[in-house]
Structures are given as structure tokens and as C-alpha cells.
Amino acid sequence: MGISENIKMLREKFDLTQQDLADIAGVTNKAVSAWENGLKEPRMGAIEKIATHFNIKKSNIIEEGGMENLAQDIPFTIAAHFDGENFTEEELKEIMEYAKYIKSRRK
């Protein structure tokens, strides 16, 4: 699994659109599409922004198989600290949806 698969897996894990990830990385949604289709690779600056946003290592994005071990335990850092809490996938998805809603009200 290379960069393109890692990026797509990360985006889908957080139920983000290509535009959502583009906003995080500071690029266009066309760039994210090109990354996911293996037509281009992201610049290090975009990789750093994505890694920082999700609190993961750049190597998780860059390296072959970088997301495989991380996929189940990606840290969630949304407006609250979830230390010691055990949320189901469904609950985490609801939390992410609520966070999107809150962010949408900022504009």
C-alpha cells in the first residue's frame, strides 16, 4: 500500500470528501484526486499538514503499508480529549459528523 492508498484510507477513515482533505492540506480537490489515483504524489508540505492535522507520523502517509497498523487506532483530537473512553465506530462517526457541523457554522 503506497502513498495513494494511504491517503485514500485516511480520508475514508474520517469520512472526509476530497475537498475536506484538500482544505487540510492546503491544495485543491483535484490534487487530492491525483494523489489517490497515483497520478501525482503530494509535496512534503502537504504531507506535513495532513500528518499534523491527524496527529500521525509522516511515515504513515509515505511508507508502503504505513496506514495498515494505524488504521484502527488513529488518534482523535477534536475539541475534547478522549483518554480512557471506549467509543464504538458508530459513536466516533457521530462525533466526527458533529464536529463537521460545528465547523460549518464558522463560515
N, C-alpha and C. Protein backbone atom coordinates (compact mmCIF):
# COMPACT_ATOMS: atom_id res chain seq x y z
N MET A 1 0.85 -1.17 0.00
CA MET A 1 0.00 0.00 0.00
C MET A 1 0.89 1.24 0.00
N GLY A 2 0.84 2.03 -1.05
CA GLY A 2 1.67 3.21 -1.17
C GLY A 2 0.96 4.48 -0.73
N ILE A 3 1.54 5.61 -1.11
CA ILE A 3 1.00 6.90 -0.70
C ILE A 3 -0.45 7.06 -1.12
N SER A 4 -0.77 6.71 -2.36
CA SER A 4 -2.13 6.92 -2.84
C SER A 4 -3.15 6.15 -2.00
N GLU A 5 -2.84 4.90 -1.69
CA GLU A 5 -3.75 4.09 -0.87
C GLU A 5 -3.81 4.61 0.56
N ASN A 6 -2.67 5.04 1.09
CA ASN A 6 -2.63 5.57 2.46
C ASN A 6 -3.50 6.81 2.59
N ILE A 7 -3.41 7.70 1.61
CA ILE A 7 -4.18 8.94 1.65
C ILE A 7 -5.67 8.64 1.55
N LYS A 8 -6.03 7.75 0.64
CA LYS A 8 -7.45 7.41 0.49
C LYS A 8 -7.98 6.73 1.75
N MET A 9 -7.21 5.84 2.34
CA MET A 9 -7.63 5.15 3.55
C MET A 9 -7.84 6.15 4.69
N LEU A 10 -6.92 7.09 4.83
CA LEU A 10 -7.04 8.10 5.88
C LEU A 10 -8.29 8.95 5.66
N ARG A 11 -8.51 9.38 4.44
CA ARG A 11 -9.67 10.22 4.12
C ARG A 11 -10.97 9.48 4.40
N GLU A 12 -11.03 8.22 4.00
CA GLU A 12 -12.25 7.43 4.21
C GLU A 12 -12.46 7.10 5.68
N LYS A 13 -11.38 6.89 6.41
CA LYS A 13 -11.47 6.60 7.84
C LYS A 13 -12.19 7.73 8.57
N PHE A 14 -11.92 8.96 8.15
CA PHE A 14 -12.53 10.12 8.79
C PHE A 14 -13.76 10.63 8.03
N ASP A 15 -14.20 9.85 7.05
CA ASP A 15 -15.40 10.20 6.29
C ASP A 15 -15.31 11.62 5.72
N LEU A 16 -14.16 11.91 5.11
CA LEU A 16 -13.92 13.22 4.53
C LEU A 16 -14.09 13.17 3.02
N THR A 17 -14.51 14.28 2.44
CA THR A 17 -14.51 14.39 0.99
C THR A 17 -13.10 14.75 0.54
N GLN A 18 -12.87 14.67 -0.75
CA GLN A 18 -11.57 15.09 -1.26
C GLN A 18 -11.37 16.58 -1.00
N GLN A 19 -12.46 17.36 -1.03
CA GLN A 19 -12.35 18.79 -0.74
C GLN A 19 -11.97 19.03 0.71
N ASP A 20 -12.55 18.24 1.62
CA ASP A 20 -12.19 18.36 3.05
C ASP A 20 -10.68 18.15 3.24
N LEU A 21 -10.16 17.08 2.63
CA LEU A 21 -8.73 16.79 2.78
C LEU A 21 -7.90 17.86 2.08
N ALA A 22 -8.39 18.36 0.95
CA ALA A 22 -7.69 19.43 0.25
C ALA A 22 -7.56 20.67 1.13
N ASP A 23 -8.62 21.00 1.85
CA ASP A 23 -8.59 22.15 2.76
C ASP A 23 -7.55 21.95 3.86
N ILE A 24 -7.46 20.73 4.37
CA ILE A 24 -6.48 20.41 5.42
C ILE A 24 -5.06 20.55 4.87
N ALA A 25 -4.84 20.04 3.65
CA ALA A 25 -3.50 20.01 3.06
C ALA A 25 -3.12 21.32 2.38
N GLY A 26 -4.09 22.21 2.18
CA GLY A 26 -3.79 23.47 1.51
C GLY A 26 -3.61 23.33 0.01
N VAL A 27 -4.38 22.42 -0.58
CA VAL A 27 -4.31 22.17 -2.02
C VAL A 27 -5.73 22.14 -2.60
N THR A 28 -5.84 21.85 -3.88
CA THR A 28 -7.16 21.72 -4.50
C THR A 28 -7.67 20.29 -4.38
N ASN A 29 -8.98 20.13 -4.56
CA ASN A 29 -9.53 18.77 -4.54
C ASN A 29 -9.03 17.96 -5.74
N LYS A 30 -8.66 18.64 -6.81
CA LYS A 30 -8.10 17.94 -7.98
C LYS A 30 -6.74 17.33 -7.63
N ALA A 31 -5.99 18.03 -6.80
CA ALA A 31 -4.69 17.50 -6.36
C ALA A 31 -4.89 16.23 -5.54
N VAL A 32 -5.87 16.26 -4.62
CA VAL A 32 -6.14 15.07 -3.80
C VAL A 32 -6.57 13.91 -4.70
N SER A 33 -7.39 14.19 -5.69
CA SER A 33 -7.82 13.15 -6.64
C SER A 33 -6.61 12.55 -7.36
N ALA A 34 -5.71 13.41 -7.80
CA ALA A 34 -4.49 12.94 -8.49
C ALA A 34 -3.63 12.09 -7.56
N TRP A 35 -3.54 12.46 -6.29
CA TRP A 35 -2.78 11.66 -5.32
C TRP A 35 -3.40 10.29 -5.18
N GLU A 36 -4.72 10.25 -4.98
CA GLU A 36 -5.40 8.99 -4.73
C GLU A 36 -5.37 8.07 -5.94
N ASN A 37 -5.30 8.64 -7.13
CA ASN A 37 -5.24 7.84 -8.35
C ASN A 37 -3.81 7.51 -8.76
N GLY A 38 -2.85 7.93 -7.95
CA GLY A 38 -1.45 7.62 -8.22
C GLY A 38 -0.86 8.40 -9.38
N LEU A 39 -1.52 9.48 -9.81
CA LEU A 39 -1.01 10.27 -10.92
C LEU A 39 0.09 11.23 -10.47
N LYS A 40 -0.02 11.68 -9.22
CA LYS A 40 0.98 12.58 -8.64
C LYS A 40 1.15 12.21 -7.17
N GLU A 41 2.23 12.69 -6.59
CA GLU A 41 2.45 12.50 -5.15
C GLU A 41 2.45 13.86 -4.48
N PRO A 42 1.95 13.91 -3.25
CA PRO A 42 1.91 15.19 -2.56
C PRO A 42 3.30 15.69 -2.20
N ARG A 43 3.43 17.00 -2.15
CA ARG A 43 4.69 17.61 -1.70
C ARG A 43 4.80 17.42 -0.18
N MET A 44 6.01 17.53 0.32
CA MET A 44 6.25 17.30 1.74
C MET A 44 5.45 18.27 2.60
N GLY A 45 5.27 19.50 2.15
CA GLY A 45 4.49 20.47 2.92
C GLY A 45 3.06 20.00 3.15
N ALA A 46 2.44 19.43 2.11
CA ALA A 46 1.08 18.92 2.23
C ALA A 46 1.05 17.70 3.14
N ILE A 47 2.04 16.84 3.02
CA ILE A 47 2.13 15.66 3.88
C ILE A 47 2.26 16.09 5.34
N GLU A 48 3.08 17.09 5.60
CA GLU A 48 3.26 17.60 6.96
C GLU A 48 1.95 18.15 7.52
N LYS A 49 1.21 18.89 6.72
CA LYS A 49 -0.07 19.45 7.18
C LYS A 49 -1.06 18.34 7.52
N ILE A 50 -1.13 17.32 6.67
CA ILE A 50 -2.05 16.20 6.91
C ILE A 50 -1.64 15.46 8.18
N ALA A 51 -0.35 15.15 8.29
CA ALA A 51 0.14 14.41 9.46
C ALA A 51 -0.12 15.19 10.74
N THR A 52 0.13 16.47 10.72
CA THR A 52 -0.10 17.31 11.90
C THR A 52 -1.57 17.35 12.25
N HIS A 53 -2.41 17.52 11.25
CA HIS A 53 -3.86 17.60 11.50
C HIS A 53 -4.39 16.33 12.17
N PHE A 54 -3.91 15.16 11.72
CA PHE A 54 -4.41 13.90 12.26
C PHE A 54 -3.53 13.33 13.38
N ASN A 55 -2.49 14.08 13.72
CA ASN A 55 -1.59 13.66 14.80
C ASN A 55 -0.98 12.28 14.52
N ILE A 56 -0.49 12.12 13.30
CA ILE A 56 0.18 10.88 12.91
C ILE A 56 1.57 11.22 12.37
N LYS A 57 2.38 10.19 12.14
CA LYS A 57 3.72 10.39 11.59
C LYS A 57 3.63 10.54 10.07
N LYS A 58 4.54 11.32 9.51
CA LYS A 58 4.59 11.47 8.05
C LYS A 58 4.83 10.11 7.41
N SER A 59 5.58 9.26 8.07
CA SER A 59 5.87 7.94 7.51
C SER A 59 4.60 7.10 7.35
N ASN A 60 3.58 7.36 8.16
CA ASN A 60 2.32 6.64 7.99
C ASN A 60 1.67 6.96 6.65
N ILE A 61 1.95 8.13 6.13
CA ILE A 61 1.40 8.53 4.84
C ILE A 61 2.31 8.08 3.70
N ILE A 62 3.61 8.19 3.91
CA ILE A 62 4.58 7.98 2.84
C ILE A 62 4.93 6.51 2.61
N GLU A 63 5.13 5.77 3.67
CA GLU A 63 5.68 4.42 3.54
C GLU A 63 4.65 3.39 3.10
N GLU A 64 5.14 2.43 2.37
CA GLU A 64 4.33 1.29 1.97
C GLU A 64 3.78 0.62 3.22
N GLY A 65 2.48 0.48 3.29
CA GLY A 65 1.84 -0.13 4.46
C GLY A 65 1.78 0.77 5.67
N GLY A 66 2.05 2.05 5.50
CA GLY A 66 2.12 2.98 6.62
C GLY A 66 0.83 3.13 7.40
N MET A 67 -0.30 2.91 6.75
CA MET A 67 -1.59 3.08 7.43
C MET A 67 -2.15 1.77 7.96
N GLU A 68 -1.59 0.65 7.57
CA GLU A 68 -2.18 -0.64 7.93
C GLU A 68 -2.29 -0.85 9.43
N ASN A 69 -1.24 -0.59 10.18
CA ASN A 69 -1.29 -0.78 11.63
C ASN A 69 -1.99 0.36 12.32
N LEU A 70 -2.01 1.50 11.68
CA LEU A 70 -2.59 2.69 12.28
C LEU A 70 -4.09 2.79 12.05
N ALA A 71 -4.60 2.12 11.05
CA ALA A 71 -5.99 2.31 10.62
C ALA A 71 -7.01 2.15 11.73
N GLN A 72 -6.79 1.25 12.67
CA GLN A 72 -7.77 1.02 13.73
C GLN A 72 -7.61 1.99 14.90
N ASP A 73 -6.43 2.55 15.06
CA ASP A 73 -6.16 3.35 16.25
C ASP A 73 -5.72 4.77 15.95
N ILE A 74 -6.24 5.37 14.87
CA ILE A 74 -5.89 6.75 14.57
C ILE A 74 -6.38 7.63 15.70
N PRO A 75 -5.52 8.47 16.25
CA PRO A 75 -5.95 9.30 17.38
C PRO A 75 -6.98 10.33 16.96
N PHE A 76 -7.94 10.56 17.82
CA PHE A 76 -8.96 11.57 17.59
C PHE A 76 -8.68 12.74 18.51
N THR A 77 -8.51 13.91 17.95
CA THR A 77 -8.25 15.09 18.76
C THR A 77 -9.21 16.19 18.34
N ILE A 78 -10.47 16.05 18.68
CA ILE A 78 -11.47 17.03 18.32
C ILE A 78 -11.97 17.71 19.58
N ALA A 79 -11.66 18.92 19.78
CA ALA A 79 -12.23 19.78 20.82
C ALA A 79 -12.38 19.14 22.20
N ALA A 80 -11.98 17.91 22.36
CA ALA A 80 -12.06 17.24 23.65
C ALA A 80 -11.04 16.12 23.65
N HIS A 81 -10.66 15.71 24.82
CA HIS A 81 -9.68 14.63 24.93
C HIS A 81 -10.42 13.37 25.33
N PHE A 82 -10.24 12.28 24.56
CA PHE A 82 -11.00 11.06 24.77
C PHE A 82 -10.23 10.01 25.54
N ASP A 83 -9.27 10.42 26.35
CA ASP A 83 -8.45 9.47 27.10
C ASP A 83 -9.31 8.55 27.95
N GLY A 84 -9.09 7.27 27.82
CA GLY A 84 -9.79 6.29 28.65
C GLY A 84 -11.20 5.98 28.21
N GLU A 85 -11.69 6.66 27.20
CA GLU A 85 -13.04 6.41 26.72
C GLU A 85 -12.99 5.34 25.63
N ASN A 86 -13.98 4.49 25.63
CA ASN A 86 -14.09 3.48 24.58
C ASN A 86 -15.35 3.77 23.78
N PHE A 87 -15.16 4.34 22.59
CA PHE A 87 -16.28 4.65 21.72
C PHE A 87 -16.36 3.62 20.61
N THR A 88 -17.57 3.30 20.19
CA THR A 88 -17.76 2.41 19.05
C THR A 88 -17.46 3.20 17.78
N GLU A 89 -17.28 2.47 16.68
CA GLU A 89 -17.06 3.13 15.38
C GLU A 89 -18.23 4.06 15.06
N GLU A 90 -19.44 3.61 15.35
CA GLU A 90 -20.64 4.41 15.08
C GLU A 90 -20.62 5.70 15.90
N GLU A 91 -20.25 5.60 17.17
CA GLU A 91 -20.18 6.79 18.02
C GLU A 91 -19.10 7.76 17.54
N LEU A 92 -17.95 7.23 17.13
CA LEU A 92 -16.89 8.09 16.61
C LEU A 92 -17.33 8.80 15.34
N LYS A 93 -18.06 8.08 14.50
CA LYS A 93 -18.56 8.69 13.27
C LYS A 93 -19.54 9.83 13.60
N GLU A 94 -20.39 9.62 14.59
CA GLU A 94 -21.32 10.67 15.02
C GLU A 94 -20.56 11.88 15.56
N ILE A 95 -19.50 11.63 16.31
CA ILE A 95 -18.68 12.72 16.84
C ILE A 95 -18.06 13.52 15.69
N MET A 96 -17.54 12.81 14.70
CA MET A 96 -16.94 13.48 13.55
C MET A 96 -17.98 14.29 12.78
N GLU A 97 -19.18 13.75 12.62
CA GLU A 97 -20.25 14.47 11.93
C GLU A 97 -20.62 15.74 12.70
N TYR A 98 -20.68 15.63 14.01
CA TYR A 98 -21.00 16.80 14.82
C TYR A 98 -19.89 17.85 14.70
N ALA A 99 -18.65 17.40 14.69
CA ALA A 99 -17.53 18.32 14.53
C ALA A 99 -17.62 19.04 13.18
N LYS A 100 -17.99 18.31 12.11
CA LYS A 100 -18.17 18.94 10.80
C LYS A 100 -19.27 20.01 10.87
N TYR A 101 -20.35 19.67 11.55
CA TYR A 101 -21.46 20.62 11.69
C TYR A 101 -20.98 21.89 12.41
N ILE A 102 -20.26 21.73 13.49
CA ILE A 102 -19.76 22.89 14.23
C ILE A 102 -18.86 23.73 13.35
N LYS A 103 -17.96 23.08 12.61
CA LYS A 103 -17.05 23.81 11.73
C LYS A 103 -17.81 24.54 10.63
N SER A 104 -18.89 23.94 10.13
CA SER A 104 -19.66 24.56 9.05
C SER A 104 -20.34 25.85 9.51
N ARG A 105 -20.60 25.96 10.79
CA ARG A 105 -21.26 27.14 11.33
C ARG A 105 -20.29 28.31 11.48
N ARG A 106 -18.98 28.07 11.36
CA ARG A 106 -17.99 29.13 11.49
C ARG A 106 -18.02 30.08 10.32
N LYS A 107 -18.41 29.59 9.17
CA LYS A 107 -18.30 30.37 7.93
C LYS A 107 -19.34 31.42 7.81
